[in-house]
Amino acid sequence: MTQGSLYLGYRPGDLRDSPLAGYFRPDMAPLSPHAQEAVLVGGQAPELFPDLSAAPTLLEPGYWPMETGYTVCPDGSARIFALTPMPGVKPAMWDWWFGWHGDEALKYKLWHPRAHVHAAWADGEGDLGRYVGRTSRVVEYVGASRLDLTIRFVSPASLGLDEARLAAQGEVAICARGGLAGAPVETGWLIHHLRPTADGCEMRSRFWLGGPYIRPRGMSGPLGAALGAVAAKLSPLPLRDAGDLLVHCAQEMAHLAAILPDLHADFGPKPQD
């Protein structure tokens, strides 16, 4: 793979013989009203956005003080939250999607046709039916910035979420450590928490980026924290970038949710006879 071989969207012939052709939707729906409001309001008080340490409380009933919005904290970190209602979608469909889509750009581009460029598993393997313990390499636009990223998926338990309780409540939590491809640092954490609703499910996306969340790749402890602090000061995250990520997340999650039930029916696991 070379940078010159990567491109946004589909070229003539890309989908000609692909079973995915019927799922490509080049037009995207407008942002939801609550996402539009969050963009208009802009950055908000950091106190409204719980820290990563509060992740286990996602399993409690109700909502956090802020479900859709963004902030940049005094320590230089950014927190971006987005709530996406998904009528007709089951949480398990997203668990399947994260294991299925990461081996092929054609699949990845279905998710956000205006921003997704490429996806591949760092281990060089294809669809193994799982994502936890694997690292995805993605190229995508967030706003006008084209980024080459790593997404290292971890278990919900590693962030303090009770996996037995998740299962009992019919919920799914996709958890990962984000980083920059080609750089020896990881830059933040993300959780996409899905829980059932009366008409489907809802996704509560959480990003904690920059500041104290930066660490040299594979390095924990005091030295890793010290080096991460230096990196955070050299490259602070602008408020505009946090807003761009909120828009990106709100767009991609709503767009895929509209086609995910049919995708899952056609390509997902089949019921056993």
C-alpha atoms as a PDB file:
ATOM      1  CA  MET A   1       0.000   0.000   0.000  1.00  0.00           C
ATOM      2  CA  THR A   2       1.311   3.448  -0.937  1.00  0.00           C
ATOM      3  CA  GLN A   3      -0.194   6.828  -0.173  1.00  0.00           C
ATOM      4  CA  GLY A   4      -0.660   7.357  -3.900  1.00  0.00           C
ATOM      5  CA  SER A   5      -2.889   4.283  -4.088  1.00  0.00           C
ATOM      6  CA  LEU A   6      -5.303   5.650  -1.477  1.00  0.00           C
ATOM      7  CA  TYR A   7      -8.241   7.770  -2.516  1.00  0.00           C
ATOM      8  CA  LEU A   8     -11.544   8.999  -1.158  1.00  0.00           C
ATOM      9  CA  GLY A   9     -14.733   7.413  -2.404  1.00  0.00           C
ATOM     10  CA  TYR A  10     -15.122   4.772  -5.087  1.00  0.00           C
ATOM     11  CA  ARG A  11     -13.650   4.877  -8.562  1.00  0.00           C
ATOM     12  CA  PRO A  12     -15.480   3.478 -11.610  1.00  0.00           C
ATOM     13  CA  GLY A  13     -15.313  -0.285 -11.413  1.00  0.00           C
ATOM     14  CA  ASP A  14     -14.572  -0.539  -7.672  1.00  0.00           C
ATOM     15  CA  LEU A  15     -18.026  -1.896  -6.921  1.00  0.00           C
ATOM     16  CA  ARG A  16     -18.905  -3.385 -10.296  1.00  0.00           C
ATOM     17  CA  ASP A  17     -18.621  -6.997  -9.161  1.00  0.00           C
ATOM     18  CA  SER A  18     -18.818  -6.424  -5.410  1.00  0.00           C
ATOM     19  CA  PRO A  19     -21.688  -7.685  -3.261  1.00  0.00           C
ATOM     20  CA  LEU A  20     -21.342  -4.395  -1.377  1.00  0.00           C
ATOM     21  CA  ALA A  21     -22.499  -2.291  -4.324  1.00  0.00           C
ATOM     22  CA  GLY A  22     -26.089  -2.061  -3.151  1.00  0.00           C
ATOM     23  CA  TYR A  23     -25.035  -0.627   0.187  1.00  0.00           C
ATOM     24  CA  PHE A  24     -23.092   2.368  -1.056  1.00  0.00           C
ATOM     25  CA  ARG A  25     -24.974   5.557  -0.196  1.00  0.00           C
ATOM     26  CA  PRO A  26     -23.052   8.619  -1.441  1.00  0.00           C
ATOM     27  CA  ASP A  27     -25.596  11.028   0.032  1.00  0.00           C
ATOM     28  CA  MET A  28     -25.567  11.526   3.784  1.00  0.00           C
ATOM     29  CA  ALA A  29     -28.420  12.733   5.953  1.00  0.00           C
ATOM     30  CA  PRO A  30     -28.117  16.104   7.705  1.00  0.00           C
ATOM     31  CA  LEU A  31     -26.681  16.136  11.215  1.00  0.00           C
ATOM     32  CA  SER A  32     -29.229  15.328  13.902  1.00  0.00           C
ATOM     33  CA  PRO A  33     -30.709  18.384  15.621  1.00  0.00           C
ATOM     34  CA  HIS A  34     -28.855  17.699  18.881  1.00  0.00           C
ATOM     35  CA  ALA A  35     -25.527  17.368  17.032  1.00  0.00           C
ATOM     36  CA  GLN A  36     -26.232  20.601  15.162  1.00  0.00           C
ATOM     37  CA  GLU A  37     -26.925  22.334  18.462  1.00  0.00           C
ATOM     38  CA  ALA A  38     -23.653  21.045  19.929  1.00  0.00           C
ATOM     39  CA  VAL A  39     -21.717  22.436  16.967  1.00  0.00           C
ATOM     40  CA  LEU A  40     -23.445  25.825  17.241  1.00  0.00           C
ATOM     41  CA  VAL A  41     -22.859  26.036  20.986  1.00  0.00           C
ATOM     42  CA  GLY A  42     -19.173  25.153  20.586  1.00  0.00           C
ATOM     43  CA  GLY A  43     -16.839  24.167  23.385  1.00  0.00           C
ATOM     44  CA  GLN A  44     -18.412  23.829  26.811  1.00  0.00           C
ATOM     45  CA  ALA A  45     -17.313  23.623  30.443  1.00  0.00           C
ATOM     46  CA  PRO A  46     -14.952  20.711  31.154  1.00  0.00           C
ATOM     47  CA  GLU A  47     -16.889  19.868  34.312  1.00  0.00           C
ATOM     48  CA  LEU A  48     -19.752  18.594  32.149  1.00  0.00           C
ATOM     49  CA  PHE A  49     -17.562  15.879  30.613  1.00  0.00           C
ATOM     50  CA  PRO A  50     -16.550  13.066  32.973  1.00  0.00           C
ATOM     51  CA  ASP A  51     -13.000  11.746  32.825  1.00  0.00           C
ATOM     52  CA  LEU A  52     -12.034   8.295  31.534  1.00  0.00           C
ATOM     53  CA  SER A  53     -12.140   7.016  35.113  1.00  0.00           C
ATOM     54  CA  ALA A  54     -15.946   7.398  34.981  1.00  0.00           C
ATOM     55  CA  ALA A  55     -16.254   4.891  32.116  1.00  0.00           C
ATOM     56  CA  PRO A  56     -17.711   2.105  34.313  1.00  0.00           C
ATOM     57  CA  THR A  57     -20.736   4.309  35.070  1.00  0.00           C
ATOM     58  CA  LEU A  58     -21.823   4.086  31.439  1.00  0.00           C
ATOM     59  CA  LEU A  59     -23.558   0.882  32.497  1.00  0.00           C
ATOM     60  CA  GLU A  60     -25.806   2.749  34.945  1.00  0.00           C
ATOM     61  CA  PRO A  61     -29.312   3.849  33.885  1.00  0.00           C
ATOM     62  CA  GLY A  62     -29.787   7.398  32.666  1.00  0.00           C
ATOM     63  CA  TYR A  63     -27.344   9.768  31.044  1.00  0.00           C
ATOM     64  CA  TRP A  64     -24.200  11.736  31.821  1.00  0.00           C
ATOM     65  CA  PRO A  65     -24.390  15.534  32.304  1.00  0.00           C
ATOM     66  CA  MET A  66     -23.309  15.924  28.662  1.00  0.00           C
ATOM     67  CA  GLU A  67     -24.132  13.348  25.989  1.00  0.00           C
ATOM     68  CA  THR A  68     -23.344  15.362  22.845  1.00  0.00           C
ATOM     69  CA  GLY A  69     -20.713  18.082  22.925  1.00  0.00           C
ATOM     70  CA  TYR A  70     -17.008  18.771  23.296  1.00  0.00           C
ATOM     71  CA  THR A  71     -14.494  20.589  25.436  1.00  0.00           C
ATOM     72  CA  VAL A  72     -10.768  21.231  25.792  1.00  0.00           C
ATOM     73  CA  CYS A  73      -9.642  20.919  29.420  1.00  0.00           C
ATOM     74  CA  PRO A  74      -7.021  22.978  31.276  1.00  0.00           C
ATOM     75  CA  ASP A  75      -4.625  19.995  31.088  1.00  0.00           C
ATOM     76  CA  GLY A  76      -4.738  20.187  27.278  1.00  0.00           C
ATOM     77  CA  SER A  77      -6.934  17.124  26.764  1.00  0.00           C
ATOM     78  CA  ALA A  78     -10.102  17.133  24.687  1.00  0.00           C
ATOM     79  CA  ARG A  79     -13.291  15.251  25.498  1.00  0.00           C
ATOM     80  CA  ILE A  80     -15.791  14.621  22.722  1.00  0.00           C
ATOM     81  CA  PHE A  81     -19.120  12.896  23.399  1.00  0.00           C
ATOM     82  CA  ALA A  82     -21.887  11.986  20.943  1.00  0.00           C
ATOM     83  CA  LEU A  83     -25.259  10.294  21.371  1.00  0.00           C
ATOM     84  CA  THR A  84     -26.708   8.573  18.295  1.00  0.00           C
ATOM     85  CA  PRO A  85     -30.206   7.005  18.356  1.00  0.00           C
ATOM     86  CA  MET A  86     -30.374   3.904  16.120  1.00  0.00           C
ATOM     87  CA  PRO A  87     -33.919   2.650  15.453  1.00  0.00           C
ATOM     88  CA  GLY A  88     -34.003  -0.913  14.170  1.00  0.00           C
ATOM     89  CA  VAL A  89     -30.401  -1.657  15.174  1.00  0.00           C
ATOM     90  CA  LYS A  90     -29.297  -4.173  17.806  1.00  0.00           C
ATOM     91  CA  PRO A  91     -26.098  -3.656  19.851  1.00  0.00           C
ATOM     92  CA  ALA A  92     -24.725  -7.006  18.665  1.00  0.00           C
ATOM     93  CA  MET A  93     -24.741  -5.735  15.078  1.00  0.00           C
ATOM     94  CA  TRP A  94     -22.057  -3.216  15.981  1.00  0.00           C
ATOM     95  CA  ASP A  95     -19.978  -5.883  17.696  1.00  0.00           C
ATOM     96  CA  TRP A  96     -20.106  -7.825  14.426  1.00  0.00           C
ATOM     97  CA  TRP A  97     -19.361  -4.742  12.308  1.00  0.00           C
ATOM     98  CA  PHE A  98     -16.111  -3.895  14.094  1.00  0.00           C
ATOM     99  CA  GLY A  99     -14.795  -7.383  13.470  1.00  0.00           C
ATOM    100  CA  TRP A 100     -16.016  -7.561   9.873  1.00  0.00           C
ATOM    101  CA  HIS A 101     -15.234  -4.265   8.175  1.00  0.00           C
ATOM    102  CA  GLY A 102     -11.596  -3.684   9.065  1.00  0.00           C
ATOM    103  CA  ASP A 103      -9.937  -5.791   6.367  1.00  0.00           C
ATOM    104  CA  GLU A 104     -11.067  -3.911   3.278  1.00  0.00           C
ATOM    105  CA  ALA A 105     -11.327  -0.282   2.168  1.00  0.00           C
ATOM    106  CA  LEU A 106     -14.511  -1.032   0.214  1.00  0.00           C
ATOM    107  CA  LYS A 107     -16.250  -1.961   3.459  1.00  0.00           C
ATOM    108  CA  TYR A 108     -14.785   0.936   5.440  1.00  0.00           C
ATOM    109  CA  LYS A 109     -15.949   3.506   2.900  1.00  0.00           C
ATOM    110  CA  LEU A 110     -19.575   2.426   3.332  1.00  0.00           C
ATOM    111  CA  TRP A 111     -19.364   3.847   6.864  1.00  0.00           C
ATOM    112  CA  HIS A 112     -18.557   7.432   5.860  1.00  0.00           C
ATOM    113  CA  PRO A 113     -18.413   7.950   2.072  1.00  0.00           C
ATOM    114  CA  ARG A 114     -17.196  11.543   2.453  1.00  0.00           C
ATOM    115  CA  ALA A 115     -14.320  10.882   4.835  1.00  0.00           C
ATOM    116  CA  HIS A 116     -13.085   7.261   4.909  1.00  0.00           C
ATOM    117  CA  VAL A 117     -10.145   6.357   2.697  1.00  0.00           C
ATOM    118  CA  HIS A 118      -8.615   3.049   3.769  1.00  0.00           C
ATOM    119  CA  ALA A 119      -8.659   0.341   6.452  1.00  0.00           C
ATOM    120  CA  ALA A 120      -6.498  -2.730   7.095  1.00  0.00           C
ATOM    121  CA  TRP A 121      -5.512  -4.876  10.061  1.00  0.00           C
ATOM    122  CA  ALA A 122      -1.976  -4.262  11.274  1.00  0.00           C
ATOM    123  CA  ASP A 123      -1.425  -8.017  11.679  1.00  0.00           C
ATOM    124  CA  GLY A 124      -1.893  -8.465   7.935  1.00  0.00           C
ATOM    125  CA  GLU A 125      -4.740 -10.925   8.450  1.00  0.00           C
ATOM    126  CA  GLY A 126      -8.197 -10.593   6.975  1.00  0.00           C
ATOM    127  CA  ASP A 127     -11.600 -10.994   8.581  1.00  0.00           C
ATOM    128  CA  LEU A 128     -11.075 -13.213  11.632  1.00  0.00           C
ATOM    129  CA  GLY A 129     -14.490 -12.446  13.107  1.00  0.00           C
ATOM    130  CA  ARG A 130     -13.033 -10.488  16.039  1.00  0.00           C
ATOM    131  CA  TYR A 131     -11.399  -7.155  16.806  1.00  0.00           C
ATOM    132  CA  VAL A 132     -10.395  -7.144  20.502  1.00  0.00           C
ATOM    133  CA  GLY A 133      -6.644  -7.625  20.706  1.00  0.00           C
ATOM    134  CA  ARG A 134      -6.090  -6.425  17.137  1.00  0.00           C
ATOM    135  CA  THR A 135      -4.969  -3.055  15.772  1.00  0.00           C
ATOM    136  CA  SER A 136      -6.685  -1.385  12.845  1.00  0.00           C
ATOM    137  CA  ARG A 137      -4.816   0.973  10.517  1.00  0.00           C
ATOM    138  CA  VAL A 138      -7.167   3.564   9.051  1.00  0.00           C
ATOM    139  CA  VAL A 139      -6.799   6.602   6.830  1.00  0.00           C
ATOM    140  CA  GLU A 140      -9.634   9.087   7.072  1.00  0.00           C
ATOM    141  CA  TYR A 141     -10.516  12.746   7.002  1.00  0.00           C
ATOM    142  CA  VAL A 142     -11.594  14.471  10.195  1.00  0.00           C
ATOM    143  CA  GLY A 143     -12.742  17.847   9.016  1.00  0.00           C
ATOM    144  CA  ALA A 144     -10.284  18.854   6.294  1.00  0.00           C
ATOM    145  CA  SER A 145      -7.351  16.968   7.870  1.00  0.00           C
ATOM    146  CA  ARG A 146      -6.346  13.609   6.416  1.00  0.00           C
ATOM    147  CA  LEU A 147      -5.095  11.369   9.219  1.00  0.00           C
ATOM    148  CA  ASP A 148      -3.249   8.045   9.286  1.00  0.00           C
ATOM    149  CA  LEU A 149      -4.330   6.418  12.544  1.00  0.00           C
ATOM    150  CA  THR A 150      -4.009   3.260  14.594  1.00  0.00           C
ATOM    151  CA  ILE A 151      -6.901   1.899  16.645  1.00  0.00           C
ATOM    152  CA  ARG A 152      -5.834  -0.772  19.127  1.00  0.00           C
ATOM    153  CA  PHE A 153      -8.946  -2.531  20.392  1.00  0.00           C
ATOM    154  CA  VAL A 154      -8.994  -3.581  24.039  1.00  0.00           C
ATOM    155  CA  SER A 155     -11.487  -5.433  26.214  1.00  0.00           C
ATOM    156  CA  PRO A 156     -14.152  -3.413  28.051  1.00  0.00           C
ATOM    157  CA  ALA A 157     -12.827  -4.890  31.318  1.00  0.00           C
ATOM    158  CA  SER A 158      -9.484  -3.178  30.739  1.00  0.00           C
ATOM    159  CA  LEU A 159     -11.289   0.148  31.165  1.00  0.00           C
ATOM    160  CA  GLY A 160     -13.215  -1.030  34.196  1.00  0.00           C
ATOM    161  CA  LEU A 161     -16.487  -2.019  32.511  1.00  0.00           C
ATOM    162  CA  ASP A 162     -18.170  -5.092  33.959  1.00  0.00           C
ATOM    163  CA  GLU A 163     -18.439  -7.451  30.979  1.00  0.00           C
ATOM    164  CA  ALA A 164     -20.866  -9.815  32.704  1.00  0.00           C
ATOM    165  CA  ARG A 165     -23.170  -6.888  33.406  1.00  0.00           C
ATOM    166  CA  LEU A 166     -22.848  -5.638  29.815  1.00  0.00           C
ATOM    167  CA  ALA A 167     -23.974  -9.054  28.570  1.00  0.00           C
ATOM    168  CA  ALA A 168     -26.809  -9.323  31.083  1.00  0.00           C
ATOM    169  CA  GLN A 169     -28.124  -5.902  30.022  1.00  0.00           C
ATOM    170  CA  GLY A 170     -27.846  -6.738  26.319  1.00  0.00           C
ATOM    171  CA  GLU A 171     -25.234  -4.027  25.829  1.00  0.00           C
ATOM    172  CA  VAL A 172     -21.981  -3.768  23.881  1.00  0.00           C
ATOM    173  CA  ALA A 173     -18.949  -1.563  24.512  1.00  0.00           C
ATOM    174  CA  ILE A 174     -16.298  -1.148  21.821  1.00  0.00           C
ATOM    175  CA  CYS A 175     -13.146   0.124  23.512  1.00  0.00           C
ATOM    176  CA  ALA A 176      -9.858   1.169  21.943  1.00  0.00           C
ATOM    177  CA  ARG A 177      -6.601   3.074  22.288  1.00  0.00           C
ATOM    178  CA  GLY A 178      -6.027   5.521  19.451  1.00  0.00           C
ATOM    179  CA  GLY A 179      -2.686   6.578  18.040  1.00  0.00           C
ATOM    180  CA  LEU A 180      -0.816   8.010  15.068  1.00  0.00           C
ATOM    181  CA  ALA A 181       0.503   5.561  12.485  1.00  0.00           C
ATOM    182  CA  GLY A 182       4.221   5.928  11.944  1.00  0.00           C
ATOM    183  CA  ALA A 183       4.703   7.693  15.280  1.00  0.00           C
ATOM    184  CA  PRO A 184       5.711   6.062  18.577  1.00  0.00           C
ATOM    185  CA  VAL A 185       2.784   7.489  20.544  1.00  0.00           C
ATOM    186  CA  GLU A 186      -0.792   6.664  21.422  1.00  0.00           C
ATOM    187  CA  THR A 187      -2.942   9.728  21.837  1.00  0.00           C
ATOM    188  CA  GLY A 188      -6.245   8.833  23.456  1.00  0.00           C
ATOM    189  CA  TRP A 189      -9.051   6.444  24.314  1.00  0.00           C
ATOM    190  CA  LEU A 190     -12.466   5.803  22.830  1.00  0.00           C
ATOM    191  CA  ILE A 191     -15.584   3.924  23.850  1.00  0.00           C
ATOM    192  CA  HIS A 192     -18.696   3.320  21.780  1.00  0.00           C
ATOM    193  CA  HIS A 193     -21.318   2.093  24.244  1.00  0.00           C
ATOM    194  CA  LEU A 194     -24.502   0.584  22.819  1.00  0.00           C
ATOM    195  CA  ARG A 195     -27.584  -0.153  24.861  1.00  0.00           C
ATOM    196  CA  PRO A 196     -31.061  -1.308  23.833  1.00  0.00           C
ATOM    197  CA  THR A 197     -33.970   1.111  23.542  1.00  0.00           C
ATOM    198  CA  ALA A 198     -37.669   0.552  22.867  1.00  0.00           C
ATOM    199  CA  ASP A 199     -37.169   0.856  19.095  1.00  0.00           C
ATOM    200  CA  GLY A 200     -33.597  -0.385  18.655  1.00  0.00           C
ATOM    201  CA  CYS A 201     -30.550   0.926  20.457  1.00  0.00           C
ATOM    202  CA  GLU A 202     -28.502   4.051  21.082  1.00  0.00           C
ATOM    203  CA  MET A 203     -24.769   4.605  20.824  1.00  0.00           C
ATOM    204  CA  ARG A 204     -22.980   6.753  23.385  1.00  0.00           C
ATOM    205  CA  SER A 205     -19.585   7.591  21.886  1.00  0.00           C
ATOM    206  CA  ARG A 206     -16.805   8.900  24.112  1.00  0.00           C
ATOM    207  CA  PHE A 207     -13.359  10.199  23.109  1.00  0.00           C
ATOM    208  CA  TRP A 208     -10.666  11.280  25.557  1.00  0.00           C
ATOM    209  CA  LEU A 209      -7.738  12.680  23.585  1.00  0.00           C
ATOM    210  CA  GLY A 210      -4.433  14.453  24.141  1.00  0.00           C
ATOM    211  CA  GLY A 211      -3.097  15.865  27.383  1.00  0.00           C
ATOM    212  CA  PRO A 212      -2.540  13.162  30.018  1.00  0.00           C
ATOM    213  CA  TYR A 213      -3.903  10.480  27.657  1.00  0.00           C
ATOM    214  CA  ILE A 214      -0.780  10.659  25.479  1.00  0.00           C
ATOM    215  CA  ARG A 215       1.813   7.950  26.077  1.00  0.00           C
ATOM    216  CA  PRO A 216       4.754   6.557  24.117  1.00  0.00           C
ATOM    217  CA  ARG A 217       3.566   3.363  22.477  1.00  0.00           C
ATOM    218  CA  GLY A 218       4.027   0.420  24.832  1.00  0.00           C
ATOM    219  CA  MET A 219       5.397   2.552  27.663  1.00  0.00           C
ATOM    220  CA  SER A 220       3.495   2.961  30.935  1.00  0.00           C
ATOM    221  CA  GLY A 221       4.557   4.160  34.355  1.00  0.00           C
ATOM    222  CA  PRO A 222       6.122   7.481  35.419  1.00  0.00           C
ATOM    223  CA  LEU A 223       8.532   7.677  32.491  1.00  0.00           C
ATOM    224  CA  GLY A 224       5.756   7.150  29.981  1.00  0.00           C
ATOM    225  CA  ALA A 225       3.658   9.815  31.705  1.00  0.00           C
ATOM    226  CA  ALA A 226       6.547  12.291  31.664  1.00  0.00           C
ATOM    227  CA  LEU A 227       7.277  11.739  27.991  1.00  0.00           C
ATOM    228  CA  GLY A 228       3.578  11.933  27.187  1.00  0.00           C
ATOM    229  CA  ALA A 229       3.336  15.284  28.976  1.00  0.00           C
ATOM    230  CA  VAL A 230       6.147  16.647  26.833  1.00  0.00           C
ATOM    231  CA  ALA A 231       4.410  15.426  23.668  1.00  0.00           C
ATOM    232  CA  ALA A 232       1.126  16.992  24.795  1.00  0.00           C
ATOM    233  CA  LYS A 233       2.746  20.401  25.267  1.00  0.00           C
ATOM    234  CA  LEU A 234       4.418  20.246  21.856  1.00  0.00           C
ATOM    235  CA  SER A 235       1.187  19.349  20.070  1.00  0.00           C
ATOM    236  CA  PRO A 236      -1.932  20.630  21.877  1.00  0.00           C
ATOM    237  CA  LEU A 237      -5.319  19.732  20.408  1.00  0.00           C
ATOM    238  CA  PRO A 238      -7.187  22.807  19.097  1.00  0.00           C
ATOM    239  CA  LEU A 239     -10.854  23.270  19.986  1.00  0.00           C
ATOM    240  CA  ARG A 240     -11.676  23.232  16.269  1.00  0.00           C
ATOM    241  CA  ASP A 241     -10.312  19.702  15.938  1.00  0.00           C
ATOM    242  CA  ALA A 242     -12.553  18.534  18.777  1.00  0.00           C
ATOM    243  CA  GLY A 243     -15.569  19.992  16.993  1.00  0.00           C
ATOM    244  CA  ASP A 244     -14.558  18.343  13.724  1.00  0.00           C
ATOM    245  CA  LEU A 245     -14.383  14.954  15.455  1.00  0.00           C
ATOM    246  CA  LEU A 246     -17.860  15.427  16.941  1.00  0.00           C
ATOM    247  CA  VAL A 247     -19.276  16.100  13.465  1.00  0.00           C
ATOM    248  CA  HIS A 248     -17.386  13.141  11.972  1.00  0.00           C
ATOM    249  CA  CYS A 249     -18.641  10.750  14.650  1.00  0.00           C
ATOM    250  CA  ALA A 250     -22.245  11.956  14.437  1.00  0.00           C
ATOM    251  CA  GLN A 251     -22.215  11.598  10.652  1.00  0.00           C
ATOM    252  CA  GLU A 252     -20.624   8.162  10.375  1.00  0.00           C
ATOM    253  CA  MET A 253     -22.604   6.487  13.139  1.00  0.00           C
ATOM    254  CA  ALA A 254     -25.982   7.706  11.866  1.00  0.00           C
ATOM    255  CA  HIS A 255     -25.087   6.868   8.257  1.00  0.00           C
ATOM    256  CA  LEU A 256     -24.046   3.299   8.947  1.00  0.00           C
ATOM    257  CA  ALA A 257     -26.930   2.686  11.355  1.00  0.00           C
ATOM    258  CA  ALA A 258     -29.341   3.223   8.450  1.00  0.00           C
ATOM    259  CA  ILE A 259     -27.884   0.281   6.486  1.00  0.00           C
ATOM    260  CA  LEU A 260     -26.440  -1.892   9.258  1.00  0.00           C
ATOM    261  CA  PRO A 261     -29.464  -4.184   9.793  1.00  0.00           C
ATOM    262  CA  ASP A 262     -29.458  -5.182   6.108  1.00  0.00           C
ATOM    263  CA  LEU A 263     -25.661  -5.516   6.014  1.00  0.00           C
ATOM    264  CA  HIS A 264     -25.774  -7.754   9.057  1.00  0.00           C
ATOM    265  CA  ALA A 265     -28.549  -9.866   7.553  1.00  0.00           C
ATOM    266  CA  ASP A 266     -26.591 -10.395   4.340  1.00  0.00           C
ATOM    267  CA  PHE A 267     -23.031 -10.763   5.655  1.00  0.00           C
ATOM    268  CA  GLY A 268     -23.350 -11.488   9.367  1.00  0.00           C
ATOM    269  CA  PRO A 269     -23.453 -14.856  11.143  1.00  0.00           C
ATOM    270  CA  LYS A 270     -26.369 -17.060  10.173  1.00  0.00           C
ATOM    271  CA  PRO A 271     -28.628 -18.672  12.774  1.00  0.00           C
ATOM    272  CA  GLN A 272     -27.825 -22.303  13.436  1.00  0.00           C
ATOM    273  CA  ASP A 273     -30.445 -24.790  12.293  1.00  0.00           C
END
